[in-house]
């Protein structure tokens, strides 16, 4: 039974590039997949495209492509990624330019578009999961992108693309599209699609399954985390998977790392809603298959719903923040005094906020004043954060913290402040028919 090897080159937009290069060089791959979009990432990308119509794709696209394209071209490794974000066609054009500069002639680069459903969402005035509606957001709405499935990715590969660049594809679909193309799986073979979704879900976060976000010294030790290697999925034609990593790379692949990633972000393991299938992880089994090798099988599936989760990005508010540090004897008392001073000054000057936080980092910033203390800290970091309706009000919060330098307790230092717009995300469901998928193939 035929087997292909898929490497996970990134688990989020700002992920490390070196492990992807290592995979391309040593992994004996058929595919290298970069998953780089989070919930808010594409809304921020849409904002960037509004300022620059040629932009709106992942800021690390150029660096990643420059690093891996020569290796992938030489080794016949195909690249699949959602780094197109708000502008897949622009990302494809940029990749073609990079390929030409590298002398990689004949490279075919596909842009998959159709996930932008802003017009359709506005027209339907869909209900959002935050209790609002799309029309209720008014002119604050920034973007509406549906999570597309594997079909268009498989179509791009069938058209001969060496590089496939999408916008808001579902994370597992990036991997599932490779499997559908390679093995000719039918788009109504629900159990194969369900097991393929298991493959994609396990690999999509890259280093998380090889020990990243897992290590806890003395409890869950992970070797050589500084050189963490990213995972490789050896996938058989029937969908059975072996998770491994490049020989000599850091990290580990164990039953525990695989089980943690299997449950990551899963609400109901028996009903994991995807654009291609309702995946059922409830019967998945994992077995050790050797050092840094774990066999995964048993994923199943049911017919898809015909609805696509859609992320609606909108301008929610503004956030002002200020920080300053205190150290030495009495640091906690001086920090608490600083917080009270800022609290009173914000009230005296009438700063309008809808939410305020007053934290001592290292004392109560994460779990409040219930945080147990084993002796008083020698140093603390004061943080005041507030949500406002205008940028001007947000600026005032950081300013009041900064004035603690000469208008507050003794020994404050390292003050920092910021004021920024907050882009929030709400979700709704749109019919799959609202997406008009298109594959454009460029050639270097």
Protein backbone atom coordinates (compact mmCIF):
# COMPACT_ATOMS: atom_id res chain seq x y z
CA UNK A 1 0.00 0.00 0.00
CA UNK A 2 1.44 3.34 -1.08
CA UNK A 3 2.68 5.81 1.56
CA UNK A 4 3.46 9.53 1.26
CA UNK A 5 5.38 11.77 3.66
CA UNK A 6 4.06 15.18 4.67
CA UNK A 7 6.09 17.60 6.78
CA UNK A 8 4.58 20.39 8.91
CA UNK A 9 6.70 23.49 8.27
CA UNK A 10 4.84 25.93 10.54
CA UNK A 11 2.13 25.91 13.18
CA UNK A 12 1.37 29.65 13.22
CA UNK A 13 2.30 32.85 11.40
CA UNK A 14 5.44 33.70 13.36
CA UNK A 15 6.80 30.17 13.68
CA UNK A 16 10.48 29.31 13.34
CA UNK A 17 11.82 28.76 9.82
CA UNK A 18 14.83 26.55 10.59
CA UNK A 19 12.80 23.38 11.35
CA UNK A 20 11.05 23.68 7.98
CA UNK A 21 14.42 23.88 6.23
CA UNK A 22 15.55 20.83 8.21
CA UNK A 23 12.45 18.92 7.09
CA UNK A 24 13.01 19.85 3.46
CA UNK A 25 16.65 18.81 3.63
CA UNK A 26 16.36 15.60 5.68
CA UNK A 27 12.71 14.56 5.77
CA UNK A 28 12.43 12.75 2.41
CA UNK A 29 9.14 14.55 1.94
CA UNK A 30 6.51 14.57 -0.74
CA UNK A 31 4.82 17.65 0.73
CA UNK A 32 5.76 20.51 3.05
CA UNK A 33 2.75 22.25 4.59
CA UNK A 34 2.85 25.66 6.30
CA UNK A 35 -0.20 26.41 8.50
CA UNK A 36 0.00 30.10 9.38
CA UNK A 37 -3.47 31.53 10.08
CA UNK A 38 -5.11 32.06 13.45
CA UNK A 39 -8.60 33.44 14.07
CA UNK A 40 -7.60 37.11 14.12
CA UNK A 41 -4.65 36.84 11.73
CA UNK A 42 -6.75 37.11 8.60
CA UNK A 43 -8.72 40.11 9.90
CA UNK A 44 -5.42 41.89 10.57
CA UNK A 45 -4.28 40.86 7.08
CA UNK A 46 -7.44 42.39 5.59
CA UNK A 47 -6.61 45.64 7.39
CA UNK A 48 -3.09 45.53 5.96
CA UNK A 49 -4.48 44.99 2.46
CA UNK A 50 -6.74 48.04 2.84
CA UNK A 51 -3.60 50.12 3.37
CA UNK A 52 -1.64 48.35 0.61
CA UNK A 53 -3.64 46.43 -2.03
CA UNK A 54 -0.52 44.43 -2.92
CA UNK A 55 -0.12 43.25 0.68
CA UNK A 56 -2.31 41.33 3.07
CA UNK A 57 -0.43 38.04 3.02
CA UNK A 58 1.83 36.51 5.66
CA UNK A 59 4.79 38.80 6.48
CA UNK A 60 7.15 35.81 6.65
CA UNK A 61 6.13 34.41 3.25
CA UNK A 62 9.19 35.81 1.48
CA UNK A 63 11.63 34.55 4.12
CA UNK A 64 10.05 31.09 4.16
CA UNK A 65 9.92 30.75 0.39
CA UNK A 66 13.50 31.95 -0.04
CA UNK A 67 14.62 29.37 2.52
CA UNK A 68 12.77 26.29 1.22
CA UNK A 69 11.96 26.75 -2.47
CA UNK A 70 15.42 25.83 -3.81
CA UNK A 71 15.47 22.64 -1.71
CA UNK A 72 11.88 21.73 -2.54
CA UNK A 73 12.44 22.28 -6.25
CA UNK A 74 15.54 20.11 -6.21
CA UNK A 75 13.82 17.32 -4.25
CA UNK A 76 10.38 17.53 -5.95
CA UNK A 77 8.66 18.51 -2.68
CA UNK A 78 5.36 20.31 -3.18
CA UNK A 79 4.47 23.19 -0.85
CA UNK A 80 0.95 23.86 0.46
CA UNK A 81 0.17 26.83 2.68
CA UNK A 82 -2.49 29.30 3.84
CA UNK A 83 0.06 32.13 3.94
CA UNK A 84 -2.07 33.89 1.32
CA UNK A 85 -4.25 35.17 4.20
CA UNK A 86 -6.26 38.09 2.76
CA UNK A 87 -4.46 38.07 -0.60
CA UNK A 88 -3.60 34.60 -1.99
CA UNK A 89 -3.06 35.96 -5.50
CA UNK A 90 -0.69 38.63 -4.22
CA UNK A 91 1.17 35.96 -2.26
CA UNK A 92 1.45 33.83 -5.40
CA UNK A 93 2.80 36.80 -7.37
CA UNK A 94 5.35 37.47 -4.63
CA UNK A 95 6.36 33.79 -4.63
CA UNK A 96 6.80 33.83 -8.41
CA UNK A 97 9.07 36.88 -8.10
CA UNK A 98 11.14 35.09 -5.46
CA UNK A 99 11.36 31.95 -7.60
CA UNK A 100 12.59 33.96 -10.58
CA UNK A 101 15.23 35.71 -8.48
CA UNK A 102 16.38 32.29 -7.27
CA UNK A 103 16.57 31.02 -10.85
CA UNK A 104 13.84 28.42 -10.30
CA UNK A 105 12.26 28.45 -13.76
CA UNK A 106 9.19 26.40 -14.58
CA UNK A 107 7.83 26.47 -11.03
CA UNK A 108 4.02 26.48 -11.00
CA UNK A 109 2.37 28.47 -8.20
CA UNK A 110 -1.39 28.21 -7.59
CA UNK A 111 -3.53 30.75 -5.75
CA UNK A 112 -6.78 29.42 -4.31
CA UNK A 113 -9.39 32.14 -3.82
CA UNK A 114 -13.04 32.21 -2.83
CA UNK A 115 -12.97 32.24 0.96
CA UNK A 116 -13.70 36.00 1.13
CA UNK A 117 -17.48 36.13 1.64
CA UNK A 118 -17.85 39.65 3.02
CA UNK A 119 -20.50 40.71 0.49
CA UNK A 120 -22.50 37.51 0.99
CA UNK A 121 -22.35 37.77 4.78
CA UNK A 122 -23.53 41.40 4.77
CA UNK A 123 -26.38 40.63 2.40
CA UNK A 124 -27.62 37.71 4.50
CA UNK A 125 -27.22 39.62 7.81
CA UNK A 126 -26.18 36.47 9.59
CA UNK A 127 -26.36 35.94 13.34
CA UNK A 128 -23.01 35.96 15.15
CA UNK A 129 -21.94 33.83 18.07
CA UNK A 130 -21.51 36.95 20.23
CA UNK A 131 -25.23 37.75 20.03
CA UNK A 132 -24.84 40.48 17.41
CA UNK A 133 -25.51 40.36 13.67
CA UNK A 134 -23.30 41.23 10.71
CA UNK A 135 -25.40 44.34 10.00
CA UNK A 136 -25.22 45.26 13.66
CA UNK A 137 -21.48 45.75 13.28
CA UNK A 138 -22.10 48.57 10.79
CA UNK A 139 -18.97 50.11 9.33
CA UNK A 140 -16.79 48.47 11.99
CA UNK A 141 -16.63 45.22 10.00
CA UNK A 142 -13.22 44.48 8.49
CA UNK A 143 -13.48 41.01 6.96
CA UNK A 144 -15.51 37.84 6.50
CA UNK A 145 -13.62 34.71 5.53
CA UNK A 146 -15.06 31.20 5.33
CA UNK A 147 -13.06 28.11 6.22
CA UNK A 148 -12.75 26.34 2.88
CA UNK A 149 -12.02 22.64 2.46
CA UNK A 150 -9.67 20.27 0.66
CA UNK A 151 -11.29 20.12 -2.78
CA UNK A 152 -9.79 23.30 -4.25
CA UNK A 153 -6.35 22.40 -2.86
CA UNK A 154 -6.55 18.98 -4.51
CA UNK A 155 -7.67 20.65 -7.74
CA UNK A 156 -4.65 22.98 -7.64
CA UNK A 157 -2.32 20.01 -7.16
CA UNK A 158 -4.04 18.17 -10.00
CA UNK A 159 -3.34 21.23 -12.19
CA UNK A 160 0.36 20.60 -11.62
CA UNK A 161 1.05 23.23 -8.97
CA UNK A 162 4.38 22.95 -7.16
CA UNK A 163 3.21 25.55 -4.62
CA UNK A 164 -0.41 25.99 -3.51
CA UNK A 165 -1.32 29.16 -1.61
CA UNK A 166 -4.74 29.59 -0.01
CA UNK A 167 -6.46 32.11 2.20
CA UNK A 168 -8.66 30.94 5.09
CA UNK A 169 -8.59 27.18 4.58
CA UNK A 170 -9.46 24.93 7.51
CA UNK A 171 -6.17 23.87 9.09
CA UNK A 172 -6.61 20.09 8.57
CA UNK A 173 -7.79 20.70 4.99
CA UNK A 174 -4.28 21.81 3.99
CA UNK A 175 -3.11 18.26 4.65
CA UNK A 176 -6.32 16.54 3.56
CA UNK A 177 -6.08 18.21 0.14
CA UNK A 178 -2.72 16.50 -0.41
CA UNK A 179 -4.21 13.11 0.53
CA UNK A 180 -7.28 13.54 -1.67
CA UNK A 181 -5.04 14.36 -4.62
CA UNK A 182 -2.45 11.64 -4.03
CA UNK A 183 -4.82 8.79 -3.26
CA UNK A 184 -7.84 9.81 -5.31
CA UNK A 185 -10.17 9.72 -2.31
CA UNK A 186 -13.78 10.52 -3.14
CA UNK A 187 -15.23 13.60 -1.48
CA UNK A 188 -18.03 11.46 -0.05
CA UNK A 189 -15.76 8.72 1.35
CA UNK A 190 -16.55 9.96 4.84
CA UNK A 191 -14.37 7.54 6.81
CA UNK A 192 -11.29 8.28 4.68
CA UNK A 193 -11.95 12.00 4.98
CA UNK A 194 -12.42 11.58 8.73
CA UNK A 195 -9.10 9.77 9.11
CA UNK A 196 -7.45 12.35 6.83
CA UNK A 197 -8.77 15.04 9.16
CA UNK A 198 -7.08 13.23 12.04
CA UNK A 199 -3.84 13.42 10.06
CA UNK A 200 -4.24 17.13 9.43
CA UNK A 201 -5.28 17.92 12.99
CA UNK A 202 -2.26 16.13 14.44
CA UNK A 203 0.23 17.82 12.11
CA UNK A 204 -1.25 21.32 11.80
CA UNK A 205 0.41 22.82 14.90
CA UNK A 206 3.88 21.63 13.87
CA UNK A 207 6.14 21.58 16.96
CA UNK A 208 3.29 20.98 19.42
CA UNK A 209 3.27 17.26 18.59
CA UNK A 210 7.06 16.95 18.86
CA UNK A 211 7.26 18.40 22.37
CA UNK A 212 6.60 22.11 22.00
CA UNK A 213 3.94 23.43 24.40
CA UNK A 214 4.34 20.09 26.18
CA UNK A 215 7.51 20.23 28.25
CA UNK A 216 7.29 20.52 32.04
CA UNK A 217 10.72 19.92 33.59
CA UNK A 218 10.78 16.90 35.89
CA UNK A 219 7.24 15.94 34.88
CA UNK A 220 7.30 15.82 31.09
CA UNK A 221 10.87 16.20 29.92
CA UNK A 222 11.63 16.95 26.27
CA UNK A 223 15.19 16.62 24.95
CA UNK A 224 16.94 19.42 23.05
CA UNK A 225 14.01 21.84 22.84
CA UNK A 226 16.29 24.55 21.43
CA UNK A 227 16.56 22.42 18.28
CA UNK A 228 12.93 21.25 18.28
CA UNK A 229 12.19 19.34 15.10
CA UNK A 230 8.84 19.58 13.35
CA UNK A 231 6.71 16.50 12.59
CA UNK A 232 6.47 14.25 9.58
CA UNK A 233 3.35 12.27 8.81
CA UNK A 234 3.81 9.01 6.96
CA UNK A 235 0.33 8.45 5.54
CA UNK A 236 -0.83 5.24 3.90
CA UNK A 237 -3.45 5.06 1.17
CA UNK A 238 -6.02 3.87 3.72
CA UNK A 239 -5.32 6.93 5.89
CA UNK A 240 -3.34 5.18 8.61
CA UNK A 241 -0.65 7.48 9.96
CA UNK A 242 2.76 7.25 11.58
CA UNK A 243 3.90 10.49 13.23
CA UNK A 244 7.67 10.92 13.37
CA UNK A 245 10.31 13.64 12.91
CA UNK A 246 13.59 14.20 11.11
CA UNK A 247 16.45 12.08 12.40
CA UNK A 248 18.73 13.98 14.78
CA UNK A 249 16.33 16.83 15.43
CA UNK A 250 15.33 17.89 18.92
CA UNK A 251 12.08 17.11 20.68
CA UNK A 252 10.23 13.81 20.80
CA UNK A 253 7.21 12.00 19.40
CA UNK A 254 5.51 9.88 22.06
CA UNK A 255 2.10 8.53 22.90
CA UNK A 256 1.66 11.48 25.29
CA UNK A 257 2.59 14.20 22.78
CA UNK A 258 0.26 12.67 20.19
CA UNK A 259 -2.65 12.28 22.62
CA UNK A 260 -2.35 15.87 23.82
CA UNK A 261 -2.39 17.18 20.27
CA UNK A 262 -5.30 14.89 19.35
CA UNK A 263 -7.44 16.55 22.04
CA UNK A 264 -6.17 20.08 21.34
CA UNK A 265 -9.04 22.48 20.52
CA UNK A 266 -11.53 19.61 20.20
CA UNK A 267 -14.94 20.22 21.79
CA UNK A 268 -16.72 16.98 20.89
CA UNK A 269 -14.36 14.24 19.65
CA UNK A 270 -17.28 12.43 18.01
CA UNK A 271 -18.33 15.50 16.03
CA UNK A 272 -15.45 17.64 14.82
CA UNK A 273 -17.10 19.87 12.23
CA UNK A 274 -14.98 20.50 9.16
CA UNK A 275 -15.85 21.86 5.70
CA UNK A 276 -15.32 18.42 4.10
CA UNK A 277 -16.64 16.05 6.77
CA UNK A 278 -17.92 15.76 10.32
CA UNK A 279 -14.91 13.89 11.69
CA UNK A 280 -15.25 11.34 14.48
CA UNK A 281 -12.13 10.96 16.65
CA UNK A 282 -13.84 8.85 19.32
CA UNK A 283 -12.40 5.54 18.08
CA UNK A 284 -8.89 6.77 17.30
CA UNK A 285 -6.13 4.49 18.61
CA UNK A 286 -2.45 5.28 19.05
CA UNK A 287 0.39 2.77 19.35
CA UNK A 288 4.14 3.06 19.70
CA UNK A 289 5.82 2.02 16.46
CA UNK A 290 9.44 2.64 17.52
CA UNK A 291 11.57 5.50 18.86
CA UNK A 292 9.90 8.79 17.90
CA UNK A 293 7.29 6.89 15.89
CA UNK A 294 3.61 6.69 16.82
CA UNK A 295 0.99 4.85 14.75
CA UNK A 296 -2.46 6.51 14.60
CA UNK A 297 -5.58 4.87 13.19
CA UNK A 298 -9.34 4.67 13.64
CA UNK A 299 -10.61 8.06 12.50
CA UNK A 300 -14.06 8.00 10.96
CA UNK A 301 -16.47 10.48 9.45
CA UNK A 302 -20.04 11.45 8.67
CA UNK A 303 -21.48 13.63 5.88
CA UNK A 304 -20.57 17.31 5.99
CA UNK A 305 -23.19 19.85 7.02
CA UNK A 306 -22.99 22.08 3.95
CA UNK A 307 -22.28 25.05 6.22
CA UNK A 308 -18.92 26.74 6.65
CA UNK A 309 -17.66 28.44 9.77
CA UNK A 310 -16.89 32.04 8.87
CA UNK A 311 -14.73 34.46 10.86
CA UNK A 312 -16.01 38.02 10.93
CA UNK A 313 -13.31 40.53 11.83
CA UNK A 314 -14.39 43.91 13.20
CA UNK A 315 -13.01 46.91 15.07
CA UNK A 316 -14.16 46.30 18.63
CA UNK A 317 -12.50 49.01 20.71
CA UNK A 318 -9.13 50.46 21.73
CA UNK A 319 -6.76 49.35 24.46
CA UNK A 320 -4.40 51.56 26.43
CA UNK A 321 -1.68 50.01 28.56
CA UNK A 322 1.15 51.09 30.80
CA UNK A 323 3.79 49.15 32.75
CA UNK A 324 6.54 49.99 35.24
CA UNK A 325 8.76 47.90 37.53
CA UNK A 326 9.65 48.06 41.23
CA UNK A 327 12.40 46.04 42.89
CA UNK A 328 14.08 45.59 46.22
CA UNK A 329 12.68 45.63 49.79
CA UNK A 330 9.02 46.66 49.82
CA UNK A 331 8.61 46.18 46.06
CA UNK A 332 5.11 44.70 46.41
CA UNK A 333 3.91 47.52 48.68
CA UNK A 334 5.27 50.16 46.30
CA UNK A 335 3.68 48.35 43.37
CA UNK A 336 0.28 48.26 45.08
CA UNK A 337 0.59 51.96 45.93
CA UNK A 338 1.40 52.72 42.29
CA UNK A 339 -1.75 50.89 41.15
CA UNK A 340 -3.92 52.83 43.60
CA UNK A 341 -2.42 56.12 42.45
CA UNK A 342 -3.19 55.35 38.80
CA UNK A 343 -6.69 54.13 39.68
CA UNK A 344 -7.47 57.41 41.45
CA UNK A 345 -5.87 59.62 38.78
CA UNK A 346 -7.85 57.95 35.98
CA UNK A 347 -11.01 58.67 37.95
CA UNK A 348 -9.99 62.27 38.74
CA UNK A 349 -9.23 63.05 35.10
CA UNK A 350 -12.41 61.35 33.87
CA UNK A 351 -10.85 58.80 31.54
CA UNK A 352 -13.73 56.86 29.96
CA UNK A 353 -13.20 53.10 30.02
CA UNK A 354 -15.47 50.10 29.63
CA UNK A 355 -13.00 47.75 31.32
CA UNK A 356 -9.94 48.23 33.53
CA UNK A 357 -7.31 45.88 34.96
CA UNK A 358 -4.75 46.67 37.66
CA UNK A 359 -2.14 43.90 37.90
CA UNK A 360 1.07 43.13 39.70
CA UNK A 361 2.80 40.72 37.37
CA UNK A 362 4.29 37.93 39.43
CA UNK A 363 1.74 38.43 42.21
CA UNK A 364 -1.82 38.50 40.89
CA UNK A 365 -1.82 39.09 37.11
CA UNK A 366 -3.04 35.61 36.11
CA UNK A 367 -5.18 34.27 38.97
CA UNK A 368 -5.97 37.36 41.02
CA UNK A 369 -5.19 37.80 44.69
CA UNK A 370 -5.85 34.13 45.40
CA UNK A 371 -2.39 33.38 43.98
CA UNK A 372 -0.42 31.63 46.79
CA UNK A 373 2.77 33.38 47.83
CA UNK A 374 5.81 31.61 49.24
CA UNK A 375 7.52 34.75 50.49
CA UNK A 376 7.33 38.25 49.08
CA UNK A 377 8.80 38.74 45.57
CA UNK A 378 11.93 40.86 45.30
CA UNK A 379 10.63 42.47 42.11
CA UNK A 380 7.23 43.15 40.55
CA UNK A 381 5.90 44.64 37.34
CA UNK A 382 2.93 47.03 37.53
CA UNK A 383 0.49 46.79 34.63
CA UNK A 384 -2.62 48.90 34.03
CA UNK A 385 -4.77 48.05 30.99
CA UNK A 386 -8.03 49.63 29.91
CA UNK A 387 -10.54 49.25 27.08
CA UNK A 388 -11.90 52.49 25.57
CA UNK A 389 -14.08 53.70 22.72
CA UNK A 390 -11.45 56.06 21.26
CA UNK A 391 -7.72 56.02 20.71
CA UNK A 392 -7.35 59.36 22.50
CA UNK A 393 -8.80 57.91 25.72
CA UNK A 394 -6.59 54.82 25.40
CA UNK A 395 -3.46 56.97 25.21
CA UNK A 396 -4.28 58.57 28.59
CA UNK A 397 -3.98 55.23 30.44
CA UNK A 398 -0.35 54.63 29.49
CA UNK A 399 0.47 58.26 30.13
CA UNK A 400 -0.72 58.04 33.75
CA UNK A 401 1.44 54.97 34.35
CA UNK A 402 4.49 56.67 32.84
CA UNK A 403 4.05 59.67 35.17
CA UNK A 404 4.75 57.32 38.11
CA UNK A 405 8.43 57.89 37.28
CA UNK A 406 8.39 61.23 39.11
CA UNK A 407 4.87 61.29 40.57
CA UNK A 408 4.73 57.92 42.31
CA UNK A 409 6.54 55.59 44.71
CA UNK A 410 10.32 55.42 44.93
CA UNK A 411 12.41 53.36 42.58
CA UNK A 412 10.13 52.86 39.60
CA UNK A 413 11.88 52.04 36.34
CA UNK A 414 11.48 50.55 32.88
CA UNK A 415 8.19 52.27 32.09
CA UNK A 416 6.46 51.28 28.86
CA UNK A 417 3.17 52.33 27.30
CA UNK A 418 1.03 51.65 24.24
CA UNK A 419 -2.36 52.43 22.71
CA UNK A 420 -3.81 50.31 19.94
CA UNK A 421 -6.92 49.41 18.02
CA UNK A 422 -8.50 46.05 18.88
CA UNK A 423 -9.69 43.86 16.02
CA UNK A 424 -12.05 41.24 17.40
CA UNK A 425 -13.47 38.13 15.74
CA UNK A 426 -16.95 36.67 15.86
CA UNK A 427 -18.14 33.58 14.01
CA UNK A 428 -21.17 32.64 11.95
CA UNK A 429 -22.18 29.92 9.50
CA UNK A 430 -22.57 30.51 5.77
CA UNK A 431 -23.79 28.03 3.15
CA UNK A 432 -20.97 26.38 1.24
CA UNK A 433 -22.60 27.72 -1.93
CA UNK A 434 -21.62 31.25 -0.84
CA UNK A 435 -17.99 30.49 -1.72
CA UNK A 436 -17.00 30.66 -5.38
CA UNK A 437 -13.72 28.78 -5.45
CA UNK A 438 -11.12 29.58 -8.12
CA UNK A 439 -7.63 28.28 -8.79
CA UNK A 440 -5.20 30.53 -10.68
CA UNK A 441 -1.85 29.01 -11.71
CA UNK A 442 1.17 31.25 -12.28
CA UNK A 443 4.45 30.04 -13.72
CA UNK A 444 7.88 31.33 -12.84
